Amino acid sequence: MKRYVIERDLPGIGGMNGAQYKDAAKTSNSALAKLAGKCQWEHSYVVDNKTFCIYLAENEAAVKEHAKLSGFPATKITEVRTVLDPMTGAA
């Protein structure tokens, strides 16, 4: 599986409450269940008017299918080439 960053333009998302985030997560999870392991959501970063979601997926088509099934737009999909963290400098 490849890792992707999905940028979603969602006006007002940063002002939602906990119940609304829970409903959004349930919607995403329902769409993922229909993809039979082709796509996995790791987590999302929420800012004022968009999210940056981290997914594992077979390919970009699986990410697009999740966007279609969930109703959450995939404004920009970027494949992650490598991950850098503090331990990279210690290796």
PDB file of N, CA and C in Angstrom:
ATOM      1  N   MET A   1       0.841  -1.184   0.000  1.00  0.00           N
ATOM      2  CA  MET A   1       0.000   0.000   0.000  1.00  0.00           C
ATOM      3  C   MET A   1       0.889   1.251   0.000  1.00  0.00           C
ATOM      4  N   LYS A   2       0.404   2.253  -0.688  1.00  0.00           N
ATOM      5  CA  LYS A   2       1.103   3.532  -0.752  1.00  0.00           C
ATOM      6  C   LYS A   2       0.457   4.495   0.239  1.00  0.00           C
ATOM      7  N   ARG A   3       1.226   5.499   0.682  1.00  0.00           N
ATOM      8  CA  ARG A   3       0.685   6.512   1.590  1.00  0.00           C
ATOM      9  C   ARG A   3       0.388   7.764   0.773  1.00  0.00           C
ATOM     10  N   TYR A   4      -0.751   8.384   1.091  1.00  0.00           N
ATOM     11  CA  TYR A   4      -1.176   9.596   0.396  1.00  0.00           C
ATOM     12  C   TYR A   4      -1.572  10.672   1.400  1.00  0.00           C
ATOM     13  N   VAL A   5      -1.349  11.928   0.995  1.00  0.00           N
ATOM     14  CA  VAL A   5      -1.903  13.077   1.694  1.00  0.00           C
ATOM     15  C   VAL A   5      -3.034  13.591   0.816  1.00  0.00           C
ATOM     16  N   ILE A   6      -4.224  13.672   1.390  1.00  0.00           N
ATOM     17  CA  ILE A   6      -5.388  14.157   0.649  1.00  0.00           C
ATOM     18  C   ILE A   6      -5.795  15.498   1.244  1.00  0.00           C
ATOM     19  N   GLU A   7      -5.760  16.520   0.419  1.00  0.00           N
ATOM     20  CA  GLU A   7      -6.199  17.859   0.823  1.00  0.00           C
ATOM     21  C   GLU A   7      -7.659  17.993   0.423  1.00  0.00           C
ATOM     22  N   ARG A   8      -8.504  18.303   1.403  1.00  0.00           N
ATOM     23  CA  ARG A   8      -9.938  18.453   1.145  1.00  0.00           C
ATOM     24  C   ARG A   8     -10.372  19.872   1.490  1.00  0.00           C
ATOM     25  N   ASP A   9     -10.935  20.589   0.524  1.00  0.00           N
ATOM     26  CA  ASP A   9     -11.501  21.908   0.793  1.00  0.00           C
ATOM     27  C   ASP A   9     -12.889  21.718   1.382  1.00  0.00           C
ATOM     28  N   LEU A  10     -13.027  22.079   2.657  1.00  0.00           N
ATOM     29  CA  LEU A  10     -14.291  21.914   3.384  1.00  0.00           C
ATOM     30  C   LEU A  10     -14.544  23.181   4.199  1.00  0.00           C
ATOM     31  N   PRO A  11     -15.149  24.206   3.572  1.00  0.00           N
ATOM     32  CA  PRO A  11     -15.364  25.475   4.260  1.00  0.00           C
ATOM     33  C   PRO A  11     -16.038  25.289   5.625  1.00  0.00           C
ATOM     34  N   GLY A  12     -15.437  25.907   6.643  1.00  0.00           N
ATOM     35  CA  GLY A  12     -15.998  25.881   7.983  1.00  0.00           C
ATOM     36  C   GLY A  12     -15.678  24.658   8.818  1.00  0.00           C
ATOM     37  N   ILE A  13     -14.948  23.695   8.288  1.00  0.00           N
ATOM     38  CA  ILE A  13     -14.686  22.444   9.020  1.00  0.00           C
ATOM     39  C   ILE A  13     -13.997  22.688  10.356  1.00  0.00           C
ATOM     40  N   GLY A  14     -13.153  23.705  10.430  1.00  0.00           N
ATOM     41  CA  GLY A  14     -12.436  23.982  11.672  1.00  0.00           C
ATOM     42  C   GLY A  14     -13.332  24.463  12.796  1.00  0.00           C
ATOM     43  N   GLY A  15     -14.544  24.872  12.473  1.00  0.00           N
ATOM     44  CA  GLY A  15     -15.477  25.358  13.485  1.00  0.00           C
ATOM     45  C   GLY A  15     -16.521  24.346  13.912  1.00  0.00           C
ATOM     46  N   MET A  16     -16.390  23.127  13.438  1.00  0.00           N
ATOM     47  CA  MET A  16     -17.365  22.097  13.801  1.00  0.00           C
ATOM     48  C   MET A  16     -17.179  21.666  15.252  1.00  0.00           C
ATOM     49  N   ASN A  17     -18.198  20.996  15.794  1.00  0.00           N
ATOM     50  CA  ASN A  17     -18.106  20.501  17.168  1.00  0.00           C
ATOM     51  C   ASN A  17     -17.819  19.001  17.164  1.00  0.00           C
ATOM     52  N   GLY A  18     -17.613  18.446  18.340  1.00  0.00           N
ATOM     53  CA  GLY A  18     -17.258  17.041  18.480  1.00  0.00           C
ATOM     54  C   GLY A  18     -18.258  16.084  17.852  1.00  0.00           C
ATOM     55  N   ALA A  19     -19.542  16.358  18.001  1.00  0.00           N
ATOM     56  CA  ALA A  19     -20.571  15.486  17.422  1.00  0.00           C
ATOM     57  C   ALA A  19     -20.504  15.507  15.894  1.00  0.00           C
ATOM     58  N   GLN A  20     -20.228  16.662  15.323  1.00  0.00           N
ATOM     59  CA  GLN A  20     -20.115  16.776  13.874  1.00  0.00           C
ATOM     60  C   GLN A  20     -18.883  16.031  13.360  1.00  0.00           C
ATOM     61  N   TYR A  21     -17.774  16.120  14.104  1.00  0.00           N
ATOM     62  CA  TYR A  21     -16.571  15.366  13.713  1.00  0.00           C
ATOM     63  C   TYR A  21     -16.837  13.865  13.803  1.00  0.00           C
ATOM     64  N   LYS A  22     -17.549  13.451  14.819  1.00  0.00           N
ATOM     65  CA  LYS A  22     -17.886  12.033  14.975  1.00  0.00           C
ATOM     66  C   LYS A  22     -18.722  11.556  13.793  1.00  0.00           C
ATOM     67  N   ASP A  23     -19.713  12.346  13.387  1.00  0.00           N
ATOM     68  CA  ASP A  23     -20.542  11.984  12.234  1.00  0.00           C
ATOM     69  C   ASP A  23     -19.719  11.917  10.953  1.00  0.00           C
ATOM     70  N   ALA A  24     -18.787  12.863  10.785  1.00  0.00           N
ATOM     71  CA  ALA A  24     -17.937  12.860   9.591  1.00  0.00           C
ATOM     72  C   ALA A  24     -17.063  11.609   9.571  1.00  0.00           C
ATOM     73  N   ALA A  25     -16.523  11.243  10.724  1.00  0.00           N
ATOM     74  CA  ALA A  25     -15.694  10.036  10.803  1.00  0.00           C
ATOM     75  C   ALA A  25     -16.518   8.791  10.496  1.00  0.00           C
ATOM     76  N   LYS A  26     -17.740   8.744  10.992  1.00  0.00           N
ATOM     77  CA  LYS A  26     -18.619   7.595  10.699  1.00  0.00           C
ATOM     78  C   LYS A  26     -18.897   7.496   9.200  1.00  0.00           C
ATOM     79  N   THR A  27     -19.125   8.629   8.557  1.00  0.00           N
ATOM     80  CA  THR A  27     -19.364   8.640   7.110  1.00  0.00           C
ATOM     81  C   THR A  27     -18.145   8.121   6.364  1.00  0.00           C
ATOM     82  N   SER A  28     -16.975   8.578   6.763  1.00  0.00           N
ATOM     83  CA  SER A  28     -15.736   8.118   6.134  1.00  0.00           C
ATOM     84  C   SER A  28     -15.543   6.623   6.351  1.00  0.00           C
ATOM     85  N   ASN A  29     -15.763   6.160   7.578  1.00  0.00           N
ATOM     86  CA  ASN A  29     -15.592   4.740   7.887  1.00  0.00           C
ATOM     87  C   ASN A  29     -16.550   3.862   7.091  1.00  0.00           C
ATOM     88  N   SER A  30     -17.772   4.323   6.890  1.00  0.00           N
ATOM     89  CA  SER A  30     -18.741   3.562   6.096  1.00  0.00           C
ATOM     90  C   SER A  30     -18.272   3.423   4.650  1.00  0.00           C
ATOM     91  N   ALA A  31     -17.718   4.499   4.106  1.00  0.00           N
ATOM     92  CA  ALA A  31     -17.195   4.453   2.733  1.00  0.00           C
ATOM     93  C   ALA A  31     -15.996   3.516   2.655  1.00  0.00           C
ATOM     94  N   LEU A  32     -15.128   3.551   3.655  1.00  0.00           N
ATOM     95  CA  LEU A  32     -13.956   2.673   3.671  1.00  0.00           C
ATOM     96  C   LEU A  32     -14.375   1.203   3.721  1.00  0.00           C
ATOM     97  N   ALA A  33     -15.416   0.902   4.459  1.00  0.00           N
ATOM     98  CA  ALA A  33     -15.894  -0.479   4.569  1.00  0.00           C
ATOM     99  C   ALA A  33     -16.316  -1.026   3.204  1.00  0.00           C
ATOM    100  N   LYS A  34     -16.816  -0.160   2.347  1.00  0.00           N
ATOM    101  CA  LYS A  34     -17.246  -0.575   1.006  1.00  0.00           C
ATOM    102  C   LYS A  34     -16.062  -0.826   0.069  1.00  0.00           C
ATOM    103  N   LEU A  35     -14.882  -0.387   0.454  1.00  0.00           N
ATOM    104  CA  LEU A  35     -13.703  -0.538  -0.396  1.00  0.00           C
ATOM    105  C   LEU A  35     -12.904  -1.806  -0.095  1.00  0.00           C
ATOM    106  N   ALA A  36     -13.374  -2.607   0.812  1.00  0.00           N
ATOM    107  CA  ALA A  36     -12.803  -3.941   1.081  1.00  0.00           C
ATOM    108  C   ALA A  36     -11.280  -3.950   1.205  1.00  0.00           C
ATOM    109  N   GLY A  37     -10.744  -3.086   2.071  1.00  0.00           N
ATOM    110  CA  GLY A  37      -9.310  -3.096   2.334  1.00  0.00           C
ATOM    111  C   GLY A  37      -8.436  -2.409   1.304  1.00  0.00           C
ATOM    112  N   LYS A  38      -9.015  -1.753   0.315  1.00  0.00           N
ATOM    113  CA  LYS A  38      -8.223  -1.066  -0.712  1.00  0.00           C
ATOM    114  C   LYS A  38      -7.718   0.294  -0.238  1.00  0.00           C
ATOM    115  N   CYS A  39      -8.306   0.784   0.860  1.00  0.00           N
ATOM    116  CA  CYS A  39      -8.006   2.125   1.325  1.00  0.00           C
ATOM    117  C   CYS A  39      -8.163   2.161   2.843  1.00  0.00           C
ATOM    118  N   GLN A  40      -7.228   2.821   3.530  1.00  0.00           N
ATOM    119  CA  GLN A  40      -7.261   2.898   4.992  1.00  0.00           C
ATOM    120  C   GLN A  40      -6.955   4.319   5.422  1.00  0.00           C
ATOM    121  N   TRP A  41      -7.757   4.847   6.312  1.00  0.00           N
ATOM    122  CA  TRP A  41      -7.578   6.196   6.840  1.00  0.00           C
ATOM    123  C   TRP A  41      -6.708   6.124   8.087  1.00  0.00           C
ATOM    124  N   GLU A  42      -5.605   6.842   8.111  1.00  0.00           N
ATOM    125  CA  GLU A  42      -4.756   6.888   9.306  1.00  0.00           C
ATOM    126  C   GLU A  42      -5.211   7.984  10.265  1.00  0.00           C
ATOM    127  N   HIS A  43      -5.273   9.221   9.778  1.00  0.00           N
ATOM    128  CA  HIS A  43      -5.739  10.350  10.578  1.00  0.00           C
ATOM    129  C   HIS A  43      -5.856  11.577   9.673  1.00  0.00           C
ATOM    130  N   SER A  44      -6.420  12.645  10.247  1.00  0.00           N
ATOM    131  CA  SER A  44      -6.570  13.895   9.499  1.00  0.00           C
ATOM    132  C   SER A  44      -6.182  15.072  10.379  1.00  0.00           C
ATOM    133  N   TYR A  45      -5.656  16.096   9.738  1.00  0.00           N
ATOM    134  CA  TYR A  45      -5.370  17.362  10.392  1.00  0.00           C
ATOM    135  C   TYR A  45      -6.446  18.340   9.926  1.00  0.00           C
ATOM    136  N   VAL A  46      -7.138  18.962  10.877  1.00  0.00           N
ATOM    137  CA  VAL A  46      -8.217  19.892  10.560  1.00  0.00           C
ATOM    138  C   VAL A  46      -7.726  21.312  10.774  1.00  0.00           C
ATOM    139  N   VAL A  47      -7.896  22.154   9.761  1.00  0.00           N
ATOM    140  CA  VAL A  47      -7.593  23.578   9.861  1.00  0.00           C
ATOM    141  C   VAL A  47      -8.884  24.334   9.570  1.00  0.00           C
ATOM    142  N   ASP A  48      -8.821  25.636   9.408  1.00  0.00           N
ATOM    143  CA  ASP A  48     -10.050  26.424   9.284  1.00  0.00           C
ATOM    144  C   ASP A  48     -11.012  25.924   8.211  1.00  0.00           C
ATOM    145  N   ASN A  49     -10.537  25.787   6.992  1.00  0.00           N
ATOM    146  CA  ASN A  49     -11.431  25.496   5.873  1.00  0.00           C
ATOM    147  C   ASN A  49     -11.014  24.291   5.042  1.00  0.00           C
ATOM    148  N   LYS A  50     -10.204  23.408   5.643  1.00  0.00           N
ATOM    149  CA  LYS A  50      -9.803  22.209   4.914  1.00  0.00           C
ATOM    150  C   LYS A  50      -9.266  21.176   5.879  1.00  0.00           C
ATOM    151  N   THR A  51      -9.099  19.981   5.352  1.00  0.00           N
ATOM    152  CA  THR A  51      -8.420  18.931   6.105  1.00  0.00           C
ATOM    153  C   THR A  51      -7.272  18.407   5.262  1.00  0.00           C
ATOM    154  N   PHE A  52      -6.278  17.875   5.952  1.00  0.00           N
ATOM    155  CA  PHE A  52      -5.173  17.165   5.325  1.00  0.00           C
ATOM    156  C   PHE A  52      -5.234  15.756   5.903  1.00  0.00           C
ATOM    157  N   CYS A  53      -5.635  14.804   5.083  1.00  0.00           N
ATOM    158  CA  CYS A  53      -5.884  13.441   5.533  1.00  0.00           C
ATOM    159  C   CYS A  53      -4.753  12.527   5.077  1.00  0.00           C
ATOM    160  N   ILE A  54      -4.362  11.632   5.949  1.00  0.00           N
ATOM    161  CA  ILE A  54      -3.307  10.669   5.647  1.00  0.00           C
ATOM    162  C   ILE A  54      -3.974   9.308   5.442  1.00  0.00           C
ATOM    163  N   TYR A  55      -3.758   8.746   4.266  1.00  0.00           N
ATOM    164  CA  TYR A  55      -4.374   7.465   3.900  1.00  0.00           C
ATOM    165  C   TYR A  55      -3.314   6.498   3.406  1.00  0.00           C
ATOM    166  N   LEU A  56      -3.580   5.218   3.613  1.00  0.00           N
ATOM    167  CA  LEU A  56      -2.872   4.146   2.937  1.00  0.00           C
ATOM    168  C   LEU A  56      -3.844   3.605   1.906  1.00  0.00           C
ATOM    169  N   ALA A  57      -3.381   3.408   0.679  1.00  0.00           N
ATOM    170  CA  ALA A  57      -4.266   2.925  -0.371  1.00  0.00           C
ATOM    171  C   ALA A  57      -3.477   2.175  -1.430  1.00  0.00           C
ATOM    172  N   GLU A  58      -4.173   1.297  -2.108  1.00  0.00           N
ATOM    173  CA  GLU A  58      -3.553   0.548  -3.207  1.00  0.00           C
ATOM    174  C   GLU A  58      -3.052   1.486  -4.288  1.00  0.00           C
ATOM    175  N   ASN A  59      -3.854   2.513  -4.581  1.00  0.00           N
ATOM    176  CA  ASN A  59      -3.527   3.450  -5.648  1.00  0.00           C
ATOM    177  C   ASN A  59      -4.386   4.707  -5.501  1.00  0.00           C
ATOM    178  N   GLU A  60      -4.132   5.674  -6.328  1.00  0.00           N
ATOM    179  CA  GLU A  60      -4.876   6.936  -6.282  1.00  0.00           C
ATOM    180  C   GLU A  60      -6.352   6.725  -6.602  1.00  0.00           C
ATOM    181  N   ALA A  61      -6.656   5.759  -7.445  1.00  0.00           N
ATOM    182  CA  ALA A  61      -8.050   5.475  -7.800  1.00  0.00           C
ATOM    183  C   ALA A  61      -8.863   5.081  -6.566  1.00  0.00           C
ATOM    184  N   ALA A  62      -8.256   4.350  -5.639  1.00  0.00           N
ATOM    185  CA  ALA A  62      -8.953   3.956  -4.412  1.00  0.00           C
ATOM    186  C   ALA A  62      -9.256   5.182  -3.550  1.00  0.00           C
ATOM    187  N   VAL A  63      -8.347   6.144  -3.512  1.00  0.00           N
ATOM    188  CA  VAL A  63      -8.575   7.377  -2.769  1.00  0.00           C
ATOM    189  C   VAL A  63      -9.731   8.153  -3.402  1.00  0.00           C
ATOM    190  N   LYS A  64      -9.739   8.225  -4.721  1.00  0.00           N
ATOM    191  CA  LYS A  64     -10.822   8.927  -5.420  1.00  0.00           C
ATOM    192  C   LYS A  64     -12.165   8.237  -5.198  1.00  0.00           C
ATOM    193  N   GLU A  65     -12.165   6.916  -5.168  1.00  0.00           N
ATOM    194  CA  GLU A  65     -13.406   6.181  -4.929  1.00  0.00           C
ATOM    195  C   GLU A  65     -13.922   6.452  -3.519  1.00  0.00           C
ATOM    196  N   HIS A  66     -13.026   6.527  -2.553  1.00  0.00           N
ATOM    197  CA  HIS A  66     -13.449   6.872  -1.192  1.00  0.00           C
ATOM    198  C   HIS A  66     -14.080   8.264  -1.173  1.00  0.00           C
ATOM    199  N   ALA A  67     -13.476   9.212  -1.858  1.00  0.00           N
ATOM    200  CA  ALA A  67     -14.024  10.568  -1.913  1.00  0.00           C
ATOM    201  C   ALA A  67     -15.433  10.549  -2.507  1.00  0.00           C
ATOM    202  N   LYS A  68     -15.608   9.774  -3.552  1.00  0.00           N
ATOM    203  CA  LYS A  68     -16.918   9.670  -4.202  1.00  0.00           C
ATOM    204  C   LYS A  68     -17.952   9.046  -3.261  1.00  0.00           C
ATOM    205  N   LEU A  69     -17.584   7.951  -2.606  1.00  0.00           N
ATOM    206  CA  LEU A  69     -18.512   7.243  -1.715  1.00  0.00           C
ATOM    207  C   LEU A  69     -18.850   8.045  -0.460  1.00  0.00           C
ATOM    208  N   SER A  70     -17.866   8.770   0.060  1.00  0.00           N
ATOM    209  CA  SER A  70     -18.074   9.511   1.307  1.00  0.00           C
ATOM    210  C   SER A  70     -18.716  10.876   1.089  1.00  0.00           C
ATOM    211  N   GLY A  71     -18.520  11.435  -0.101  1.00  0.00           N
ATOM    212  CA  GLY A  71     -19.013  12.786  -0.360  1.00  0.00           C
ATOM    213  C   GLY A  71     -18.041  13.866   0.074  1.00  0.00           C
ATOM    214  N   PHE A  72     -16.864  13.466   0.557  1.00  0.00           N
ATOM    215  CA  PHE A  72     -15.842  14.423   0.951  1.00  0.00           C
ATOM    216  C   PHE A  72     -14.884  14.623  -0.227  1.00  0.00           C
ATOM    217  N   PRO A  73     -14.753  15.846  -0.734  1.00  0.00           N
ATOM    218  CA  PRO A  73     -13.933  16.071  -1.928  1.00  0.00           C
ATOM    219  C   PRO A  73     -12.452  15.785  -1.693  1.00  0.00           C
ATOM    220  N   ALA A  74     -11.821  15.227  -2.680  1.00  0.00           N
ATOM    221  CA  ALA A  74     -10.363  15.051  -2.659  1.00  0.00           C
ATOM    222  C   ALA A  74      -9.798  16.127  -3.581  1.00  0.00           C
ATOM    223  N   THR A  75      -9.612  17.318  -3.041  1.00  0.00           N
ATOM    224  CA  THR A  75      -9.187  18.470  -3.825  1.00  0.00           C
ATOM    225  C   THR A  75      -7.818  18.230  -4.442  1.00  0.00           C
ATOM    226  N   LYS A  76      -6.908  17.665  -3.650  1.00  0.00           N
ATOM    227  CA  LYS A  76      -5.561  17.365  -4.137  1.00  0.00           C
ATOM    228  C   LYS A  76      -5.087  16.075  -3.476  1.00  0.00           C
ATOM    229  N   ILE A  77      -4.565  15.161  -4.277  1.00  0.00           N
ATOM    230  CA  ILE A  77      -4.047  13.886  -3.793  1.00  0.00           C
ATOM    231  C   ILE A  77      -2.557  13.836  -4.121  1.00  0.00           C
ATOM    232  N   THR A  78      -1.739  13.620  -3.092  1.00  0.00           N
ATOM    233  CA  THR A  78      -0.299  13.587  -3.279  1.00  0.00           C
ATOM    234  C   THR A  78       0.257  12.301  -2.677  1.00  0.00           C
ATOM    235  N   GLU A  79       1.000  11.551  -3.474  1.00  0.00           N
ATOM    236  CA  GLU A  79       1.639  10.343  -2.955  1.00  0.00           C
ATOM    237  C   GLU A  79       2.863  10.725  -2.131  1.00  0.00           C
ATOM    238  N   VAL A  80       2.995  10.130  -0.960  1.00  0.00           N
ATOM    239  CA  VAL A  80       4.142  10.369  -0.083  1.00  0.00           C
ATOM    240  C   VAL A  80       5.310   9.522  -0.573  1.00  0.00           C
ATOM    241  N   ARG A  81       6.448  10.127  -0.773  1.00  0.00           N
ATOM    242  CA  ARG A  81       7.638   9.412  -1.259  1.00  0.00           C
ATOM    243  C   ARG A  81       8.433   8.786  -0.121  1.00  0.00           C
ATOM    244  N   THR A  82       8.538   9.521   1.003  1.00  0.00           N
ATOM    245  CA  THR A  82       9.239   9.004   2.175  1.00  0.00           C
ATOM    246  C   THR A  82       8.775   9.786   3.390  1.00  0.00           C
ATOM    247  N   VAL A  83       9.056   9.276   4.555  1.00  0.00           N
ATOM    248  CA  VAL A  83       8.695   9.949   5.801  1.00  0.00           C
ATOM    249  C   VAL A  83       9.976  10.323   6.532  1.00  0.00           C
ATOM    250  N   LEU A  84      10.081  11.588   6.914  1.00  0.00           N
ATOM    251  CA  LEU A  84      11.200  12.074   7.720  1.00  0.00           C
ATOM    252  C   LEU A  84      10.686  12.391   9.111  1.00  0.00           C
ATOM    253  N   ASP A  85      11.457  12.051  10.106  1.00  0.00           N
ATOM    254  CA  ASP A  85      11.122  12.399  11.479  1.00  0.00           C
ATOM    255  C   ASP A  85      12.423  12.580  12.249  1.00  0.00           C
ATOM    256  N   PRO A  86      12.384  12.917  13.539  1.00  0.00           N
ATOM    257  CA  PRO A  86      13.612  13.140  14.284  1.00  0.00           C
ATOM    258  C   PRO A  86      14.564  11.951  14.262  1.00  0.00           C
ATOM    259  N   MET A  87      14.044  10.753  14.169  1.00  0.00           N
ATOM    260  CA  MET A  87      14.900   9.568  14.158  1.00  0.00           C
ATOM    261  C   MET A  87      15.684   9.426  12.859  1.00  0.00           C
ATOM    262  N   THR A  88      15.250  10.107  11.788  1.00  0.00           N
ATOM    263  CA  THR A  88      15.981  10.068  10.517  1.00  0.00           C
ATOM    264  C   THR A  88      17.403  10.600  10.721  1.00  0.00           C
ATOM    265  N   GLY A  89      17.540  11.637  11.543  1.00  0.00           N
ATOM    266  CA  GLY A  89      18.848  12.211  11.806  1.00  0.00           C
ATOM    267  C   GLY A  89      19.718  11.362  12.712  1.00  0.00           C
ATOM    268  N   ALA A  90      19.120  10.418  13.412  1.00  0.00           N
ATOM    269  CA  ALA A  90      19.871   9.581  14.338  1.00  0.00           C
ATOM    270  C   ALA A  90      20.317   8.265  13.691  1.00  0.00           C
ATOM    271  N   ALA A  91      19.784   7.979  12.521  1.00  0.00           N
ATOM    272  CA  ALA A  91      20.082   6.693  11.893  1.00  0.00           C
ATOM    273  C   ALA A  91      21.482   6.636  11.338  1.00  0.00           C
TER     274      ALA A  91
END
